[in-house]
Amino acid sequence: MNYGGAQVREAEHAESAKDFIHKLSIAQKEANETLYWLELLKESEYIIQKDFDSFYYEAEDIKKIITSIILTMKSK
């Protein structure tokens, strides 16, 4: 599963704080999109509840971490 990992990796080499926040904001959107697709997979019964729970909560936690980093950077 990709929860925005490529954008997080890009953010590691951001050219400025603004660029860092921008790249992490894209990762945040990607994590949110992953949640959407997981919900569709569950509703279509393509994945079982146990797998959904595992993937969904992982993606949700990653999105929360990214959001926290963004908010911390914006407050500086």
Foldseek 3Di string as FASTA:
>chain_A
DQQLVVLQVVLVVAPDLVRNLVSLVVSLVSLVVVLVVLVVCVVVVVDDPVVSVVVNVVSVVVSVVSVVVSVVSVVD
